[in-house]
Amino acid sequence: MKRWIQTATAAACLISAGWWQVPAHVLAAPAIESSEPNAPVNGPSHQFEIHSSVQVSREILREAYEASHDAYTKKLQKYAKCTEAQARKAVASEHPGCKIEDIQLRNIRTNLVYMAIARDDEDKYLVIVDAGNGNILLDRRIPTHHERVFADSPVPSRNE
């Protein structure tokens, strides 16, 4: 407890002393010269360039991501009482005729679930299945891109 109080007191002293304030000229981003034609200069996502001595291909990065995803799933799989096949069956019974595009074991706020995307010719659904008992916890239609883009636009009248 004593160490925590000392740490908190030291942090409060540093903050009140303004150690975190940085002069404006340090924050100003220098102009970026890009090798790409038509690349935005000082765009919101490119404040600076970093060049490491080690370059990794996108394929290697994709493989690393998939390996980490597989390890994540394997670690959680032992806690699931419902198999992926049982979760697929639950989704298929809720949406007969739909193709299950993707199903993954996930955690939502420490709740272990299967998240599935089911699609037919017209609609797409997000279905969340309890990994413990196979019950459907959420079944929601996903709006199409067109519906999302034009959701807030006023409907034109016939006179316009």
Protein backbone atom coordinates (compact mmCIF):
# COMPACT_ATOMS: atom_id res chain seq x y z
CA MET A 1 0.00 0.00 0.00
CA LYS A 2 2.83 2.37 0.90
CA ARG A 3 4.53 1.76 -2.48
CA TRP A 4 1.26 2.47 -4.32
CA ILE A 5 0.83 5.79 -2.48
CA GLN A 6 4.43 6.78 -3.28
CA THR A 7 3.92 5.92 -6.96
CA ALA A 8 0.64 7.82 -7.16
CA THR A 9 2.22 10.84 -5.43
CA ALA A 10 5.18 10.82 -7.81
CA ALA A 11 2.86 10.58 -10.83
CA ALA A 12 0.74 13.47 -9.56
CA CYS A 13 3.86 15.60 -9.08
CA LEU A 14 5.09 14.88 -12.61
CA ILE A 15 1.69 15.64 -14.13
CA SER A 16 1.30 18.89 -12.20
CA ALA A 17 4.82 19.92 -13.24
CA GLY A 18 3.74 19.65 -16.88
CA TRP A 19 6.32 17.03 -17.93
CA TRP A 20 3.84 15.74 -20.51
CA GLN A 21 3.43 19.05 -22.30
CA VAL A 22 5.28 19.12 -25.59
CA PRO A 23 6.07 22.37 -27.43
CA ALA A 24 3.95 22.94 -30.55
CA HIS A 25 6.96 22.94 -32.88
CA VAL A 26 7.74 19.36 -31.85
CA LEU A 27 4.23 18.20 -32.69
CA ALA A 28 4.18 19.81 -36.13
CA ALA A 29 4.62 17.07 -38.72
CA PRO A 30 7.25 17.67 -41.39
CA ALA A 31 6.24 17.46 -45.02
CA ILE A 32 6.34 13.92 -46.29
CA GLU A 33 7.74 13.11 -49.64
CA SER A 34 6.17 9.92 -50.91
CA SER A 35 7.45 7.69 -53.66
CA GLU A 36 3.84 7.06 -54.67
CA PRO A 37 2.35 9.47 -57.20
CA ASN A 38 -0.90 11.10 -56.06
CA ALA A 39 -0.21 10.08 -52.45
CA PRO A 40 -1.62 12.56 -49.92
CA VAL A 41 0.98 14.67 -48.20
CA ASN A 42 0.51 14.94 -44.44
CA GLY A 43 -2.65 12.88 -44.74
CA PRO A 44 -4.37 11.83 -41.55
CA SER A 45 -3.05 8.28 -41.67
CA HIS A 46 0.53 9.07 -42.73
CA GLN A 47 2.19 11.42 -40.27
CA PHE A 48 5.64 9.94 -40.83
CA GLU A 49 7.41 7.14 -42.61
CA ILE A 50 9.25 4.34 -40.89
CA HIS A 51 11.80 2.19 -42.66
CA SER A 52 12.97 -0.83 -40.69
CA SER A 53 16.03 -2.85 -41.61
CA VAL A 54 13.74 -5.89 -41.82
CA GLN A 55 10.95 -6.10 -44.39
CA VAL A 56 8.24 -8.76 -44.12
CA SER A 57 5.96 -9.65 -47.02
CA ARG A 58 2.20 -9.39 -46.72
CA GLU A 59 2.00 -13.16 -47.27
CA ILE A 60 4.20 -13.81 -44.22
CA LEU A 61 2.11 -11.36 -42.16
CA ARG A 62 -1.07 -13.14 -43.27
CA GLU A 63 0.41 -16.51 -42.28
CA ALA A 64 1.42 -15.13 -38.86
CA TYR A 65 -2.08 -13.74 -38.33
CA GLU A 66 -3.67 -17.06 -39.27
CA ALA A 67 -1.31 -18.94 -36.94
CA SER A 68 -2.20 -16.64 -34.05
CA HIS A 69 -5.91 -17.00 -34.87
CA ASP A 70 -5.58 -20.80 -34.93
CA ALA A 71 -3.73 -20.78 -31.59
CA TYR A 72 -6.44 -18.51 -30.10
CA THR A 73 -9.18 -20.86 -31.27
CA LYS A 74 -7.33 -23.97 -30.10
CA LYS A 75 -6.81 -22.47 -26.64
CA LEU A 76 -10.51 -21.58 -26.27
CA GLN A 77 -11.86 -24.75 -27.89
CA LYS A 78 -11.30 -26.81 -24.74
CA TYR A 79 -13.79 -24.60 -22.85
CA ALA A 80 -16.55 -24.89 -25.45
CA LYS A 81 -19.09 -27.60 -24.71
CA CYS A 82 -20.70 -27.14 -28.11
CA THR A 83 -18.72 -28.08 -31.23
CA GLU A 84 -18.47 -25.99 -34.36
CA ALA A 85 -20.59 -28.58 -36.19
CA GLN A 86 -23.35 -28.22 -33.56
CA ALA A 87 -23.18 -24.43 -33.88
CA ARG A 88 -23.46 -24.73 -37.67
CA LYS A 89 -26.50 -26.97 -37.22
CA ALA A 90 -28.14 -24.38 -34.94
CA VAL A 91 -27.54 -21.60 -37.49
CA ALA A 92 -28.79 -23.77 -40.37
CA SER A 93 -31.98 -24.62 -38.45
CA GLU A 94 -32.61 -20.92 -37.83
CA HIS A 95 -31.91 -19.95 -41.45
CA PRO A 96 -32.76 -22.92 -43.68
CA GLY A 97 -31.42 -22.52 -47.19
CA CYS A 98 -28.78 -19.99 -46.16
CA LYS A 99 -25.13 -20.64 -46.80
CA ILE A 100 -22.96 -20.29 -43.69
CA GLU A 101 -20.09 -18.16 -44.99
CA ASP A 102 -18.02 -18.03 -41.84
CA ILE A 103 -18.16 -19.37 -38.30
CA GLN A 104 -15.56 -18.64 -35.63
CA LEU A 105 -15.13 -19.28 -31.93
CA ARG A 106 -14.90 -15.88 -30.24
CA ASN A 107 -15.22 -14.22 -26.89
CA ILE A 108 -17.58 -11.33 -26.33
CA ARG A 109 -16.93 -9.72 -22.96
CA THR A 110 -15.65 -13.03 -21.56
CA ASN A 111 -18.62 -14.97 -23.02
CA LEU A 112 -17.50 -17.81 -25.28
CA VAL A 113 -19.61 -17.90 -28.44
CA TYR A 114 -19.58 -18.93 -32.07
CA MET A 115 -20.09 -16.02 -34.45
CA ALA A 116 -21.51 -16.99 -37.82
CA ILE A 117 -22.42 -15.17 -41.01
CA ALA A 118 -25.32 -16.76 -42.90
CA ARG A 119 -26.31 -15.55 -46.36
CA ASP A 120 -28.97 -16.26 -48.91
CA ASP A 121 -29.65 -14.56 -52.24
CA GLU A 122 -31.19 -11.49 -50.64
CA ASP A 123 -30.11 -11.18 -47.03
CA LYS A 124 -27.12 -11.61 -44.73
CA TYR A 125 -27.37 -12.45 -41.02
CA LEU A 126 -25.07 -12.31 -38.02
CA VAL A 127 -25.86 -15.23 -35.73
CA ILE A 128 -24.23 -15.68 -32.33
CA VAL A 129 -24.45 -19.15 -30.79
CA ASP A 130 -23.72 -19.99 -27.15
CA ALA A 131 -20.61 -22.21 -27.08
CA GLY A 132 -21.91 -23.91 -23.94
CA ASN A 133 -25.36 -25.12 -24.93
CA GLY A 134 -25.76 -24.31 -28.64
CA ASN A 135 -28.59 -21.83 -28.11
CA ILE A 136 -28.83 -18.84 -30.41
CA LEU A 137 -28.11 -15.68 -28.44
CA LEU A 138 -28.42 -13.15 -31.28
CA ASP A 139 -29.83 -13.31 -34.78
CA ARG A 140 -29.63 -10.04 -36.61
CA ARG A 141 -29.98 -9.12 -40.27
CA ILE A 142 -26.96 -7.21 -41.52
CA PRO A 143 -27.92 -4.24 -43.69
CA THR A 144 -26.45 -4.19 -47.18
CA HIS A 145 -23.92 -1.56 -48.17
CA HIS A 146 -26.63 0.22 -50.16
CA GLU A 147 -28.97 0.31 -47.16
CA ARG A 148 -26.25 1.70 -44.90
CA VAL A 149 -25.18 4.40 -47.35
CA PHE A 150 -28.67 5.63 -48.10
CA ALA A 151 -30.26 5.05 -44.68
CA ASP A 152 -30.23 8.70 -43.64
CA SER A 153 -30.84 10.32 -47.02
CA PRO A 154 -34.31 11.76 -47.58
CA VAL A 155 -36.56 9.96 -50.03
CA PRO A 156 -37.04 12.16 -53.09
CA SER A 157 -40.63 13.11 -53.87
CA ARG A 158 -42.16 12.56 -57.31
CA ASN A 159 -42.15 16.31 -57.99
CA GLU A 160 -38.36 16.64 -57.77
